[in-house]
Each structure stands twice: as C-alpha cells, then as structure tokens.
Amino acid sequence: MKYRKLGRTGFEVSEIAYGLWGMSGWSGSDDQQSLASLQLSIDAGCNFFDTAWAYGEGKSDGLLGEIMARNPKKRLYAASKIPPANNQWPALPKYKYHDVFSPEHVLKYADLIRKKLRVDPIDVLQFHVWDDGWTDQPDFRSTVEKLKDGGWIRHFGLSLNRWEPENGIKALRTGLVDVVQVIYNIFDQAPEDELFPVCQELNVGVIARVPLDEGSLGGKMTRDTRFPKRDWRSAYFGPENLGKTIERVEKLKKIVPEGMSLPEMALRFILSHPAVSTTIVGMRKGEHVRENVAASDAGPLDAALLAELKHYRWDRTPTPWSD
C-alpha cells in the first residue's frame, strides 16, 4: 500500500481507503464478514475509513468503532458525516441552511458519531450534503469553529452532491474546509475542470468516492442485473441508467490492457491524478481487499492510456434516480 498526504491535515493516508456504506444494509452484507474484511484491509495497510451516520443510522460507525478498538496500536483514521436534518439528498438551493445543519443538529450528531466510533476527537467530520449558497451563513462558520476549537473534531470536510463538483468551491475558499469528498472516476471526470485546481491551490485533501460507479466499473454487471428494492442500487441502475451504463462499460472493457482488470484500471485512473489523496472503495469481501490494495501497489497508469480514457468521460446532471 502507498500513502499520500490528506491535504493540510498532515495525515498520511492509504491511497485505497475503506468505504463502509455497503455494510449498512446493502444486499449481501454480513456483519461478521464485514469485520473480517475490515481487519484484512488493516493488515494490508489500509488506514483511512469513510463512514456516515446515514449508513444504517450509525451501524457503519459502530462497525468501524469496533474494528478500531481491536487495533489500538495502529493509527487508523476515521471520517464520518453528519446527516441532513431534513433527510434530503442532495442539497438544493431552496433548502435553508438552518433546516439542514442547525448548530443543535450538528452537535447532536457529532456527539452520537464519536460515541459510536469510540474516539474523541473525530479525525474528519463532514457534512453529508452541501450547497454553496449556504457559505455565508454565520452559523456555518461558528459551528465549524466550535467543533474544532472545542476538540470535537480534528478536521472538517464536505461531501459534495453527485455530479456537482463546483458546488463547494465557494465554501473551500472560506478556509474552514480541510477535506472535500467528491465523485470521481473514469466516467465522472468533471472534478478535474475546476474543483481539483482549487484543492491543489488551497491544499485541501481530496477523497474520491464512487470509484467504480456504484459497481458498474467492477465489470460484472449485465443488462439483466437486478438488485432488491431495499438496495439503493435498484434505483440507480434502473431502466433509465442500466442499459446506457452497460453499453459504455462494454466499450471500456475493450481497451483494458492485457494482465489488468477493469476495476484495477478504474482505481489506477483515479490515483493517477495528483490532486487525489485517497479513494474510498467498498470492500466487504477479502478478495476485494487484496485486489484493491494491488491497484495502489501498481502505481499510476501510463500517459497513453490516461489520454485514451479521457474519451470515456460521461457528463451527467442529477436526476431523482441518481440521488
């Protein structure tokens, strides 16, 4: 495993980070298997873990707290997220900041999260949604400063809305935001346009999420793939998206170099960008851990392949099924 600085936090984090969303109730999730996979990832050098209260109403935070308690001698970094009080994803300009992240709401969930994680302070605490129209709200600054000055958190971050990477740049320029989490993968390359240059300018850490496009870039899905209704992917890969996605994935498979898998190429594409600090991957099974760690070991893709992958960019706008 290779490591990079998480922006100005100074944290040396593993290039491959562990994303715990899939442990909160996705089809096929099993707590004991999840804990075993978490331990295997730690043994393989993973030290950065991303969770959120919304992932099972604290379930994933609790699993992470359990595995961290089992490894007291290792420096493991926990990043979690405050849910929006109105329970709406994504944030929209019509929502009022106080109805989403009032000081009382933020402090309540910060306390719940640190108890689940069994830590004090939390390494990185993020708002799970964001709209830049909220940036000038006095409570935004005062709440983040209280979290930091009061020892609740070490660093603060924002998780940006799907397919809206520029909707966070104004907040970054306040100096309050140390880390930003954004969707970035072979299909979703838009963060390169404006967000990444600002992050590099301000030394803001970048957590790249959804590296495999919710699973399509794993290469195993087909037009016949279906997920249980309670599984979030049943909506994301519904009639409006599944066919278009599989068509693009099949074309992408044709350029995967010999001896390399599609998911390896997808992860190495992300890690080839110097603005990226780490990418969070769901790894509920041991085989996934081993495969993903190997992608870090292999290093960046060569320039010719990176240039070719630029042609697979897929610019999309948020829709009800994508939220």
C-alpha atoms as a PDB file:
ATOM      1  CA  MET A   1       0.000   0.000   0.000  1.00  0.00           C
ATOM      2  CA  LYS A   2       1.175   3.512  -0.816  1.00  0.00           C
ATOM      3  CA  TYR A   3       0.338   6.615   1.196  1.00  0.00           C
ATOM      4  CA  ARG A   4      -0.364  10.279   0.463  1.00  0.00           C
ATOM      5  CA  LYS A   5      -0.888  13.449   2.471  1.00  0.00           C
ATOM      6  CA  LEU A   6      -4.565  14.284   3.055  1.00  0.00           C
ATOM      7  CA  GLY A   7      -4.114  17.936   2.159  1.00  0.00           C
ATOM      8  CA  ARG A   8      -3.244  20.262   5.017  1.00  0.00           C
ATOM      9  CA  THR A   9      -4.424  17.787   7.653  1.00  0.00           C
ATOM     10  CA  GLY A  10      -0.949  16.276   7.530  1.00  0.00           C
ATOM     11  CA  PHE A  11      -2.460  12.792   7.800  1.00  0.00           C
ATOM     12  CA  GLU A  12      -0.553  10.151   5.834  1.00  0.00           C
ATOM     13  CA  VAL A  13      -3.429   8.099   4.472  1.00  0.00           C
ATOM     14  CA  SER A  14      -3.558   4.953   2.397  1.00  0.00           C
ATOM     15  CA  GLU A  15      -4.265   5.514  -1.300  1.00  0.00           C
ATOM     16  CA  ILE A  16      -7.004   2.901  -1.045  1.00  0.00           C
ATOM     17  CA  ALA A  17      -9.474   3.801   1.677  1.00  0.00           C
ATOM     18  CA  TYR A  18     -12.276   1.657   3.022  1.00  0.00           C
ATOM     19  CA  GLY A  19     -15.833   2.807   2.335  1.00  0.00           C
ATOM     20  CA  LEU A  20     -18.399   1.383   4.763  1.00  0.00           C
ATOM     21  CA  TRP A  21     -21.664   2.282   3.020  1.00  0.00           C
ATOM     22  CA  GLY A  22     -22.157  -1.261   1.755  1.00  0.00           C
ATOM     23  CA  MET A  23     -22.044  -2.581   5.322  1.00  0.00           C
ATOM     24  CA  SER A  24     -25.179  -0.760   6.369  1.00  0.00           C
ATOM     25  CA  GLY A  25     -27.745  -2.979   4.710  1.00  0.00           C
ATOM     26  CA  TRP A  26     -26.903  -3.416   1.049  1.00  0.00           C
ATOM     27  CA  SER A  27     -27.919  -6.847  -0.226  1.00  0.00           C
ATOM     28  CA  GLY A  28     -25.286  -9.409   0.667  1.00  0.00           C
ATOM     29  CA  SER A  29     -23.892  -7.529   3.660  1.00  0.00           C
ATOM     30  CA  ASP A  30     -22.981  -9.572   6.745  1.00  0.00           C
ATOM     31  CA  ASP A  31     -21.538  -8.029   9.899  1.00  0.00           C
ATOM     32  CA  GLN A  32     -19.007 -10.745  10.671  1.00  0.00           C
ATOM     33  CA  GLN A  33     -17.817 -10.830   7.084  1.00  0.00           C
ATOM     34  CA  SER A  34     -17.592  -7.038   7.156  1.00  0.00           C
ATOM     35  CA  LEU A  35     -15.461  -7.048  10.311  1.00  0.00           C
ATOM     36  CA  ALA A  36     -13.192  -9.729   8.869  1.00  0.00           C
ATOM     37  CA  SER A  37     -12.792  -7.699   5.685  1.00  0.00           C
ATOM     38  CA  LEU A  38     -12.036  -4.559   7.685  1.00  0.00           C
ATOM     39  CA  GLN A  39      -9.338  -6.406   9.623  1.00  0.00           C
ATOM     40  CA  LEU A  40      -7.829  -7.801   6.438  1.00  0.00           C
ATOM     41  CA  SER A  41      -7.675  -4.298   4.978  1.00  0.00           C
ATOM     42  CA  ILE A  42      -5.866  -3.029   8.085  1.00  0.00           C
ATOM     43  CA  ASP A  43      -3.396  -5.893   7.879  1.00  0.00           C
ATOM     44  CA  ALA A  44      -2.833  -4.972   4.216  1.00  0.00           C
ATOM     45  CA  GLY A  45      -2.008  -1.366   5.106  1.00  0.00           C
ATOM     46  CA  CYS A  46      -5.336   0.453   4.828  1.00  0.00           C
ATOM     47  CA  ASN A  47      -5.553   3.182   7.473  1.00  0.00           C
ATOM     48  CA  PHE A  48      -8.351   5.512   6.280  1.00  0.00           C
ATOM     49  CA  PHE A  49     -12.015   4.621   6.697  1.00  0.00           C
ATOM     50  CA  ASP A  50     -15.054   6.544   5.488  1.00  0.00           C
ATOM     51  CA  THR A  51     -18.466   6.115   7.059  1.00  0.00           C
ATOM     52  CA  ALA A  52     -21.567   8.188   7.853  1.00  0.00           C
ATOM     53  CA  TRP A  53     -24.391   8.216  10.359  1.00  0.00           C
ATOM     54  CA  ALA A  54     -26.822   7.680   7.496  1.00  0.00           C
ATOM     55  CA  TYR A  55     -25.218   4.331   6.722  1.00  0.00           C
ATOM     56  CA  GLY A  56     -27.632   2.327   8.826  1.00  0.00           C
ATOM     57  CA  GLU A  57     -28.381   5.019  11.426  1.00  0.00           C
ATOM     58  CA  GLY A  58     -24.955   4.651  12.988  1.00  0.00           C
ATOM     59  CA  LYS A  59     -24.447   0.974  12.144  1.00  0.00           C
ATOM     60  CA  SER A  60     -21.381   1.529   9.968  1.00  0.00           C
ATOM     61  CA  ASP A  61     -19.941   3.977  12.503  1.00  0.00           C
ATOM     62  CA  GLY A  62     -20.351   1.261  15.111  1.00  0.00           C
ATOM     63  CA  LEU A  63     -18.621  -1.372  12.995  1.00  0.00           C
ATOM     64  CA  LEU A  64     -15.724   0.988  12.428  1.00  0.00           C
ATOM     65  CA  GLY A  65     -15.544   1.780  16.121  1.00  0.00           C
ATOM     66  CA  GLU A  66     -15.409  -1.935  16.896  1.00  0.00           C
ATOM     67  CA  ILE A  67     -12.551  -2.659  14.479  1.00  0.00           C
ATOM     68  CA  MET A  68     -10.585   0.378  15.643  1.00  0.00           C
ATOM     69  CA  ALA A  69     -10.924  -0.801  19.234  1.00  0.00           C
ATOM     70  CA  ARG A  70      -9.489  -4.166  18.183  1.00  0.00           C
ATOM     71  CA  ASN A  71      -6.406  -2.407  16.751  1.00  0.00           C
ATOM     72  CA  PRO A  72      -5.400   0.085  19.471  1.00  0.00           C
ATOM     73  CA  LYS A  73      -1.722   0.174  18.497  1.00  0.00           C
ATOM     74  CA  LYS A  74      -2.352   1.192  14.879  1.00  0.00           C
ATOM     75  CA  ARG A  75      -3.069   4.760  13.776  1.00  0.00           C
ATOM     76  CA  LEU A  76      -6.326   4.436  11.919  1.00  0.00           C
ATOM     77  CA  TYR A  77      -8.146   7.497  10.589  1.00  0.00           C
ATOM     78  CA  ALA A  78     -11.931   7.721  10.811  1.00  0.00           C
ATOM     79  CA  ALA A  79     -14.006  10.031   8.627  1.00  0.00           C
ATOM     80  CA  SER A  80     -17.750  10.262   9.152  1.00  0.00           C
ATOM     81  CA  LYS A  81     -20.628  12.516   8.098  1.00  0.00           C
ATOM     82  CA  ILE A  82     -23.454  14.492   9.679  1.00  0.00           C
ATOM     83  CA  PRO A  83     -26.811  13.655   8.020  1.00  0.00           C
ATOM     84  CA  PRO A  84     -29.005  16.493   6.752  1.00  0.00           C
ATOM     85  CA  ALA A  85     -31.753  17.280   9.270  1.00  0.00           C
ATOM     86  CA  ASN A  86     -34.368  17.390   6.506  1.00  0.00           C
ATOM     87  CA  ASN A  87     -33.263  13.945   5.327  1.00  0.00           C
ATOM     88  CA  GLN A  88     -32.974  15.161   1.732  1.00  0.00           C
ATOM     89  CA  TRP A  89     -30.255  14.127  -0.697  1.00  0.00           C
ATOM     90  CA  PRO A  90     -28.880  16.083  -2.479  1.00  0.00           C
ATOM     91  CA  ALA A  91     -28.947  19.577  -1.015  1.00  0.00           C
ATOM     92  CA  LEU A  92     -30.957  22.011  -3.128  1.00  0.00           C
ATOM     93  CA  PRO A  93     -30.737  25.818  -3.232  1.00  0.00           C
ATOM     94  CA  LYS A  94     -34.309  26.103  -1.955  1.00  0.00           C
ATOM     95  CA  TYR A  95     -33.401  24.460   1.365  1.00  0.00           C
ATOM     96  CA  LYS A  96     -32.487  26.781   4.211  1.00  0.00           C
ATOM     97  CA  TYR A  97     -29.182  26.127   5.953  1.00  0.00           C
ATOM     98  CA  HIS A  98     -30.738  26.198   9.419  1.00  0.00           C
ATOM     99  CA  ASP A  99     -33.217  23.486   8.406  1.00  0.00           C
ATOM    100  CA  VAL A 100     -30.377  21.212   7.320  1.00  0.00           C
ATOM    101  CA  PHE A 101     -27.388  21.899   9.596  1.00  0.00           C
ATOM    102  CA  SER A 102     -28.507  23.921  12.598  1.00  0.00           C
ATOM    103  CA  PRO A 103     -25.869  24.119  15.360  1.00  0.00           C
ATOM    104  CA  GLU A 104     -28.029  21.925  17.604  1.00  0.00           C
ATOM    105  CA  HIS A 105     -28.380  19.248  14.920  1.00  0.00           C
ATOM    106  CA  VAL A 106     -24.675  19.214  14.052  1.00  0.00           C
ATOM    107  CA  LEU A 107     -23.512  18.996  17.657  1.00  0.00           C
ATOM    108  CA  LYS A 108     -26.060  16.285  18.439  1.00  0.00           C
ATOM    109  CA  TYR A 109     -24.842  14.038  15.641  1.00  0.00           C
ATOM    110  CA  ALA A 110     -21.186  14.841  16.166  1.00  0.00           C
ATOM    111  CA  ASP A 111     -21.600  13.513  19.689  1.00  0.00           C
ATOM    112  CA  LEU A 112     -23.500  10.414  18.533  1.00  0.00           C
ATOM    113  CA  ILE A 113     -20.856   9.664  15.926  1.00  0.00           C
ATOM    114  CA  ARG A 114     -17.873   9.988  18.225  1.00  0.00           C
ATOM    115  CA  LYS A 115     -19.548   7.667  20.722  1.00  0.00           C
ATOM    116  CA  LYS A 116     -20.133   5.066  18.009  1.00  0.00           C
ATOM    117  CA  LEU A 117     -16.564   5.444  16.768  1.00  0.00           C
ATOM    118  CA  ARG A 118     -15.281   5.382  20.363  1.00  0.00           C
ATOM    119  CA  VAL A 119     -12.998   8.335  19.633  1.00  0.00           C
ATOM    120  CA  ASP A 120     -12.559  11.867  20.873  1.00  0.00           C
ATOM    121  CA  PRO A 121     -11.954  13.857  18.718  1.00  0.00           C
ATOM    122  CA  ILE A 122     -13.160  12.627  15.309  1.00  0.00           C
ATOM    123  CA  ASP A 123     -10.362  12.788  12.717  1.00  0.00           C
ATOM    124  CA  VAL A 124     -12.533  14.134   9.887  1.00  0.00           C
ATOM    125  CA  LEU A 125     -16.175  15.124  10.211  1.00  0.00           C
ATOM    126  CA  GLN A 126     -18.051  16.075   7.054  1.00  0.00           C
ATOM    127  CA  PHE A 127     -21.439  17.483   6.163  1.00  0.00           C
ATOM    128  CA  HIS A 128     -23.111  14.759   4.103  1.00  0.00           C
ATOM    129  CA  VAL A 129     -24.641  17.236   1.638  1.00  0.00           C
ATOM    130  CA  TRP A 130     -23.798  20.777   0.647  1.00  0.00           C
ATOM    131  CA  ASP A 131     -24.992  23.781  -1.318  1.00  0.00           C
ATOM    132  CA  ASP A 132     -22.637  26.718  -1.798  1.00  0.00           C
ATOM    133  CA  GLY A 133     -25.492  29.140  -1.248  1.00  0.00           C
ATOM    134  CA  TRP A 134     -25.089  28.382   2.469  1.00  0.00           C
ATOM    135  CA  THR A 135     -21.471  29.512   2.635  1.00  0.00           C
ATOM    136  CA  ASP A 136     -22.116  32.972   4.050  1.00  0.00           C
ATOM    137  CA  GLN A 137     -24.455  31.788   6.791  1.00  0.00           C
ATOM    138  CA  PRO A 138     -22.903  32.879  10.128  1.00  0.00           C
ATOM    139  CA  ASP A 139     -23.865  29.578  11.771  1.00  0.00           C
ATOM    140  CA  PHE A 140     -21.743  27.681   9.252  1.00  0.00           C
ATOM    141  CA  ARG A 141     -18.533  29.357  10.382  1.00  0.00           C
ATOM    142  CA  SER A 142     -19.403  29.440  14.073  1.00  0.00           C
ATOM    143  CA  THR A 143     -20.400  25.749  14.137  1.00  0.00           C
ATOM    144  CA  VAL A 144     -17.279  24.516  12.369  1.00  0.00           C
ATOM    145  CA  GLU A 145     -15.086  26.673  14.599  1.00  0.00           C
ATOM    146  CA  LYS A 146     -16.851  25.332  17.696  1.00  0.00           C
ATOM    147  CA  LEU A 147     -16.297  21.755  16.543  1.00  0.00           C
ATOM    148  CA  LYS A 148     -12.599  22.401  16.042  1.00  0.00           C
ATOM    149  CA  ASP A 149     -11.901  24.694  18.991  1.00  0.00           C
ATOM    150  CA  GLY A 150     -13.928  22.531  21.344  1.00  0.00           C
ATOM    151  CA  GLY A 151     -11.963  19.404  20.492  1.00  0.00           C
ATOM    152  CA  TRP A 152     -14.903  17.588  18.918  1.00  0.00           C
ATOM    153  CA  ILE A 153     -13.077  17.123  15.596  1.00  0.00           C
ATOM    154  CA  ARG A 154      -9.592  17.469  14.184  1.00  0.00           C
ATOM    155  CA  HIS A 155     -10.607  18.480  10.676  1.00  0.00           C
ATOM    156  CA  PHE A 156     -13.753  19.425   8.778  1.00  0.00           C
ATOM    157  CA  GLY A 157     -14.898  18.372   5.334  1.00  0.00           C
ATOM    158  CA  LEU A 158     -17.728  18.490   2.820  1.00  0.00           C
ATOM    159  CA  SER A 159     -19.235  15.649   0.825  1.00  0.00           C
ATOM    160  CA  LEU A 160     -20.310  17.254  -2.451  1.00  0.00           C
ATOM    161  CA  ASN A 161     -23.507  16.456  -4.311  1.00  0.00           C
ATOM    162  CA  ARG A 162     -23.396  13.898  -7.096  1.00  0.00           C
ATOM    163  CA  TRP A 163     -22.339  15.434 -10.427  1.00  0.00           C
ATOM    164  CA  GLU A 164     -21.973  18.938  -8.949  1.00  0.00           C
ATOM    165  CA  PRO A 165     -18.228  19.220  -8.199  1.00  0.00           C
ATOM    166  CA  GLU A 166     -18.180  23.021  -8.480  1.00  0.00           C
ATOM    167  CA  ASN A 167     -20.910  23.322  -5.824  1.00  0.00           C
ATOM    168  CA  GLY A 168     -18.468  23.591  -2.944  1.00  0.00           C
ATOM    169  CA  ILE A 169     -15.685  25.802  -4.262  1.00  0.00           C
ATOM    170  CA  LYS A 170     -17.033  28.913  -2.518  1.00  0.00           C
ATOM    171  CA  ALA A 171     -17.022  27.077   0.815  1.00  0.00           C
ATOM    172  CA  LEU A 172     -13.461  25.884   0.241  1.00  0.00           C
ATOM    173  CA  ARG A 173     -12.331  29.490  -0.057  1.00  0.00           C
ATOM    174  CA  THR A 174     -13.563  30.275   3.472  1.00  0.00           C
ATOM    175  CA  GLY A 175     -10.634  28.354   4.926  1.00  0.00           C
ATOM    176  CA  LEU A 176     -12.982  26.237   7.043  1.00  0.00           C
ATOM    177  CA  VAL A 177     -12.875  23.159   4.822  1.00  0.00           C
ATOM    178  CA  ASP A 178      -9.824  20.894   5.118  1.00  0.00           C
ATOM    179  CA  VAL A 179     -11.104  17.953   3.082  1.00  0.00           C
ATOM    180  CA  VAL A 180     -13.573  17.531   0.242  1.00  0.00           C
ATOM    181  CA  GLN A 181     -15.233  14.320  -0.885  1.00  0.00           C
ATOM    182  CA  VAL A 182     -16.376  14.113  -4.496  1.00  0.00           C
ATOM    183  CA  ILE A 183     -17.429  11.544  -7.072  1.00  0.00           C
ATOM    184  CA  TYR A 184     -14.513  10.980  -9.431  1.00  0.00           C
ATOM    185  CA  ASN A 185     -13.994   8.027 -11.755  1.00  0.00           C
ATOM    186  CA  ILE A 186     -13.444   7.169 -15.424  1.00  0.00           C
ATOM    187  CA  PHE A 187     -16.967   8.262 -16.281  1.00  0.00           C
ATOM    188  CA  ASP A 188     -17.185  11.225 -13.876  1.00  0.00           C
ATOM    189  CA  GLN A 189     -14.144  13.341 -14.719  1.00  0.00           C
ATOM    190  CA  ALA A 190     -15.672  16.801 -14.188  1.00  0.00           C
ATOM    191  CA  PRO A 191     -13.826  17.485 -10.878  1.00  0.00           C
ATOM    192  CA  GLU A 192     -10.674  17.938 -12.968  1.00  0.00           C
ATOM    193  CA  ASP A 193     -12.088  21.113 -14.533  1.00  0.00           C
ATOM    194  CA  GLU A 194     -12.448  23.491 -11.579  1.00  0.00           C
ATOM    195  CA  LEU A 195     -12.536  21.670  -8.241  1.00  0.00           C
ATOM    196  CA  PHE A 196      -9.161  19.907  -8.328  1.00  0.00           C
ATOM    197  CA  PRO A 197      -7.171  23.035  -9.251  1.00  0.00           C
ATOM    198  CA  VAL A 198      -8.741  24.893  -6.293  1.00  0.00           C
ATOM    199  CA  CYS A 199      -7.985  21.988  -3.964  1.00  0.00           C
ATOM    200  CA  GLN A 200      -4.364  21.996  -5.088  1.00  0.00           C
ATOM    201  CA  GLU A 201      -4.159  25.774  -4.657  1.00  0.00           C
ATOM    202  CA  LEU A 202      -5.582  25.653  -1.116  1.00  0.00           C
ATOM    203  CA  ASN A 203      -4.007  22.319  -0.107  1.00  0.00           C
ATOM    204  CA  VAL A 204      -7.413  20.758   0.534  1.00  0.00           C
ATOM    205  CA  GLY A 205      -7.410  16.970   0.758  1.00  0.00           C
ATOM    206  CA  VAL A 206      -9.444  15.129  -1.883  1.00  0.00           C
ATOM    207  CA  ILE A 207     -11.354  11.942  -1.108  1.00  0.00           C
ATOM    208  CA  ALA A 208     -12.516  10.413  -4.388  1.00  0.00           C
ATOM    209  CA  ARG A 209     -15.691   8.430  -3.899  1.00  0.00           C
ATOM    210  CA  VAL A 210     -17.709   6.072  -6.136  1.00  0.00           C
ATOM    211  CA  PRO A 211     -14.537   4.894  -7.939  1.00  0.00           C
ATOM    212  CA  LEU A 212     -16.386   2.022  -9.610  1.00  0.00           C
ATOM    213  CA  ASP A 213     -19.584   3.941 -10.447  1.00  0.00           C
ATOM    214  CA  GLU A 214     -21.605   2.139  -7.763  1.00  0.00           C
ATOM    215  CA  GLY A 215     -20.353  -1.185  -9.154  1.00  0.00           C
ATOM    216  CA  SER A 216     -20.594  -0.915 -12.936  1.00  0.00           C
ATOM    217  CA  LEU A 217     -16.838  -0.484 -13.330  1.00  0.00           C
ATOM    218  CA  GLY A 218     -16.357  -3.752 -11.486  1.00  0.00           C
ATOM    219  CA  GLY A 219     -17.202  -5.257 -14.858  1.00  0.00           C
ATOM    220  CA  LYS A 220     -19.563  -7.993 -13.697  1.00  0.00           C
ATOM    221  CA  MET A 221     -22.935  -6.353 -14.237  1.00  0.00           C
ATOM    222  CA  THR A 222     -25.108  -7.063 -17.280  1.00  0.00           C
ATOM    223  CA  ARG A 223     -28.325  -5.665 -18.724  1.00  0.00           C
ATOM    224  CA  ASP A 224     -30.133  -8.358 -16.709  1.00  0.00           C
ATOM    225  CA  THR A 225     -28.654  -7.296 -13.359  1.00  0.00           C
ATOM    226  CA  ARG A 226     -31.288  -6.536 -10.724  1.00  0.00           C
ATOM    227  CA  PHE A 227     -30.992  -5.514  -7.096  1.00  0.00           C
ATOM    228  CA  PRO A 228     -33.523  -5.956  -4.265  1.00  0.00           C
ATOM    229  CA  LYS A 229     -35.838  -2.981  -3.814  1.00  0.00           C
ATOM    230  CA  ARG A 230     -34.349  -2.103  -0.433  1.00  0.00           C
ATOM    231  CA  ASP A 231     -30.889  -1.907  -2.034  1.00  0.00           C
ATOM    232  CA  TRP A 232     -30.149   1.676  -3.165  1.00  0.00           C
ATOM    233  CA  ARG A 233     -28.627   0.389  -6.413  1.00  0.00           C
ATOM    234  CA  SER A 234     -32.027  -0.870  -7.557  1.00  0.00           C
ATOM    235  CA  ALA A 235     -32.935   2.743  -8.320  1.00  0.00           C
ATOM    236  CA  TYR A 236     -29.556   3.880  -9.581  1.00  0.00           C
ATOM    237  CA  PHE A 237     -29.343   1.002 -12.044  1.00  0.00           C
ATOM    238  CA  GLY A 238     -32.988   1.175 -13.061  1.00  0.00           C
ATOM    239  CA  PRO A 239     -34.371   1.410 -16.612  1.00  0.00           C
ATOM    240  CA  GLU A 240     -33.085   4.950 -17.204  1.00  0.00           C
ATOM    241  CA  ASN A 241     -29.475   4.161 -16.398  1.00  0.00           C
ATOM    242  CA  LEU A 242     -28.623   0.457 -16.585  1.00  0.00           C
ATOM    243  CA  GLY A 243     -28.631  -0.013 -20.361  1.00  0.00           C
ATOM    244  CA  LYS A 244     -26.649   3.163 -21.054  1.00  0.00           C
ATOM    245  CA  THR A 245     -24.120   2.241 -18.392  1.00  0.00           C
ATOM    246  CA  ILE A 246     -23.563  -1.327 -19.591  1.00  0.00           C
ATOM    247  CA  GLU A 247     -23.083  -0.077 -23.150  1.00  0.00           C
ATOM    248  CA  ARG A 248     -20.291   2.235 -22.001  1.00  0.00           C
ATOM    249  CA  VAL A 249     -18.713  -0.399 -19.773  1.00  0.00           C
ATOM    250  CA  GLU A 250     -18.587  -2.926 -22.613  1.00  0.00           C
ATOM    251  CA  LYS A 251     -16.750  -0.421 -24.806  1.00  0.00           C
ATOM    252  CA  LEU A 252     -14.361   0.323 -21.965  1.00  0.00           C
ATOM    253  CA  LYS A 253     -13.543  -3.353 -21.497  1.00  0.00           C
ATOM    254  CA  LYS A 254     -12.069  -3.448 -24.991  1.00  0.00           C
ATOM    255  CA  ILE A 255      -9.194  -1.149 -24.053  1.00  0.00           C
ATOM    256  CA  VAL A 256      -8.210  -2.767 -20.743  1.00  0.00           C
ATOM    257  CA  PRO A 257      -4.527  -3.733 -21.121  1.00  0.00           C
ATOM    258  CA  GLU A 258      -3.594  -7.391 -21.029  1.00  0.00           C
ATOM    259  CA  GLY A 259      -2.948  -8.589 -17.498  1.00  0.00           C
ATOM    260  CA  MET A 260      -5.035  -5.802 -15.965  1.00  0.00           C
ATOM    261  CA  SER A 261      -8.638  -5.976 -14.771  1.00  0.00           C
ATOM    262  CA  LEU A 262     -11.261  -3.294 -15.353  1.00  0.00           C
ATOM    263  CA  PRO A 263     -11.545  -2.379 -11.647  1.00  0.00           C
ATOM    264  CA  GLU A 264      -7.762  -2.133 -11.379  1.00  0.00           C
ATOM    265  CA  MET A 265      -7.690   0.227 -14.345  1.00  0.00           C
ATOM    266  CA  ALA A 266     -10.525   2.250 -12.803  1.00  0.00           C
ATOM    267  CA  LEU A 267      -8.745   2.656  -9.470  1.00  0.00           C
ATOM    268  CA  ARG A 268      -5.376   3.437 -11.032  1.00  0.00           C
ATOM    269  CA  PHE A 269      -7.031   6.067 -13.229  1.00  0.00           C
ATOM    270  CA  ILE A 270      -8.179   7.895 -10.096  1.00  0.00           C
ATOM    271  CA  LEU A 271      -4.834   7.549  -8.338  1.00  0.00           C
ATOM    272  CA  SER A 272      -3.047   8.912 -11.393  1.00  0.00           C
ATOM    273  CA  HIS A 273      -4.341  12.417 -10.629  1.00  0.00           C
ATOM    274  CA  PRO A 274      -2.041  14.317  -8.253  1.00  0.00           C
ATOM    275  CA  ALA A 275      -4.924  16.174  -6.562  1.00  0.00           C
ATOM    276  CA  VAL A 276      -6.383  12.928  -5.198  1.00  0.00           C
ATOM    277  CA  SER A 277      -5.355  11.981  -1.668  1.00  0.00           C
ATOM    278  CA  THR A 278      -7.259   8.693  -1.424  1.00  0.00           C
ATOM    279  CA  THR A 279     -10.167   6.847  -2.992  1.00  0.00           C
ATOM    280  CA  ILE A 280     -12.799   5.037  -0.959  1.00  0.00           C
ATOM    281  CA  VAL A 281     -13.844   1.594  -2.129  1.00  0.00           C
ATOM    282  CA  GLY A 282     -16.425  -0.795  -0.752  1.00  0.00           C
ATOM    283  CA  MET A 283     -14.632  -3.999   0.218  1.00  0.00           C
ATOM    284  CA  ARG A 284     -16.965  -6.372   2.007  1.00  0.00           C
ATOM    285  CA  LYS A 285     -15.067  -9.465   0.870  1.00  0.00           C
ATOM    286  CA  GLY A 286     -11.448 -10.437   1.406  1.00  0.00           C
ATOM    287  CA  GLU A 287     -10.826 -10.915  -2.298  1.00  0.00           C
ATOM    288  CA  HIS A 288     -11.875  -7.311  -2.920  1.00  0.00           C
ATOM    289  CA  VAL A 289      -9.379  -6.078  -0.325  1.00  0.00           C
ATOM    290  CA  ARG A 290      -6.494  -7.916  -1.956  1.00  0.00           C
ATOM    291  CA  GLU A 291      -7.429  -6.751  -5.458  1.00  0.00           C
ATOM    292  CA  ASN A 292      -7.821  -3.121  -4.471  1.00  0.00           C
ATOM    293  CA  VAL A 293      -4.593  -2.910  -2.476  1.00  0.00           C
ATOM    294  CA  ALA A 294      -2.779  -4.311  -5.500  1.00  0.00           C
ATOM    295  CA  ALA A 295      -4.041  -1.351  -7.547  1.00  0.00           C
ATOM    296  CA  SER A 296      -2.171   1.006  -5.229  1.00  0.00           C
ATOM    297  CA  ASP A 297       0.976  -1.077  -5.436  1.00  0.00           C
ATOM    298  CA  ALA A 298       0.875  -0.977  -9.256  1.00  0.00           C
ATOM    299  CA  GLY A 299       1.090   2.827  -9.426  1.00  0.00           C
ATOM    300  CA  PRO A 300      -0.340   5.313 -11.948  1.00  0.00           C
ATOM    301  CA  LEU A 301      -1.421   4.365 -15.459  1.00  0.00           C
ATOM    302  CA  ASP A 302       0.824   5.261 -18.363  1.00  0.00           C
ATOM    303  CA  ALA A 303       0.235   8.539 -20.156  1.00  0.00           C
ATOM    304  CA  ALA A 304      -1.085   6.982 -23.362  1.00  0.00           C
ATOM    305  CA  LEU A 305      -3.799   5.007 -21.566  1.00  0.00           C
ATOM    306  CA  LEU A 306      -4.775   8.022 -19.462  1.00  0.00           C
ATOM    307  CA  ALA A 307      -5.168  10.077 -22.623  1.00  0.00           C
ATOM    308  CA  GLU A 308      -7.387   7.398 -24.150  1.00  0.00           C
ATOM    309  CA  LEU A 309      -9.547   7.212 -21.031  1.00  0.00           C
ATOM    310  CA  LYS A 310     -10.325  10.913 -21.321  1.00  0.00           C
ATOM    311  CA  HIS A 311     -12.615   9.977 -24.212  1.00  0.00           C
ATOM    312  CA  TYR A 312     -14.813   7.935 -21.841  1.00  0.00           C
ATOM    313  CA  ARG A 313     -15.860  10.968 -19.826  1.00  0.00           C
ATOM    314  CA  TRP A 314     -19.629  10.990 -19.270  1.00  0.00           C
ATOM    315  CA  ASP A 315     -21.044  14.319 -18.099  1.00  0.00           C
ATOM    316  CA  ARG A 316     -24.388  13.917 -16.370  1.00  0.00           C
ATOM    317  CA  THR A 317     -26.790  16.047 -14.345  1.00  0.00           C
ATOM    318  CA  PRO A 318     -28.538  14.995 -11.113  1.00  0.00           C
ATOM    319  CA  THR A 319     -31.851  13.181 -11.512  1.00  0.00           C
ATOM    320  CA  PRO A 320     -34.246  11.605  -8.973  1.00  0.00           C
ATOM    321  CA  TRP A 321     -32.851   8.117  -9.618  1.00  0.00           C
ATOM    322  CA  SER A 322     -29.270   9.219  -9.088  1.00  0.00           C
ATOM    323  CA  ASP A 323     -29.696  10.768  -5.631  1.00  0.00           C
END
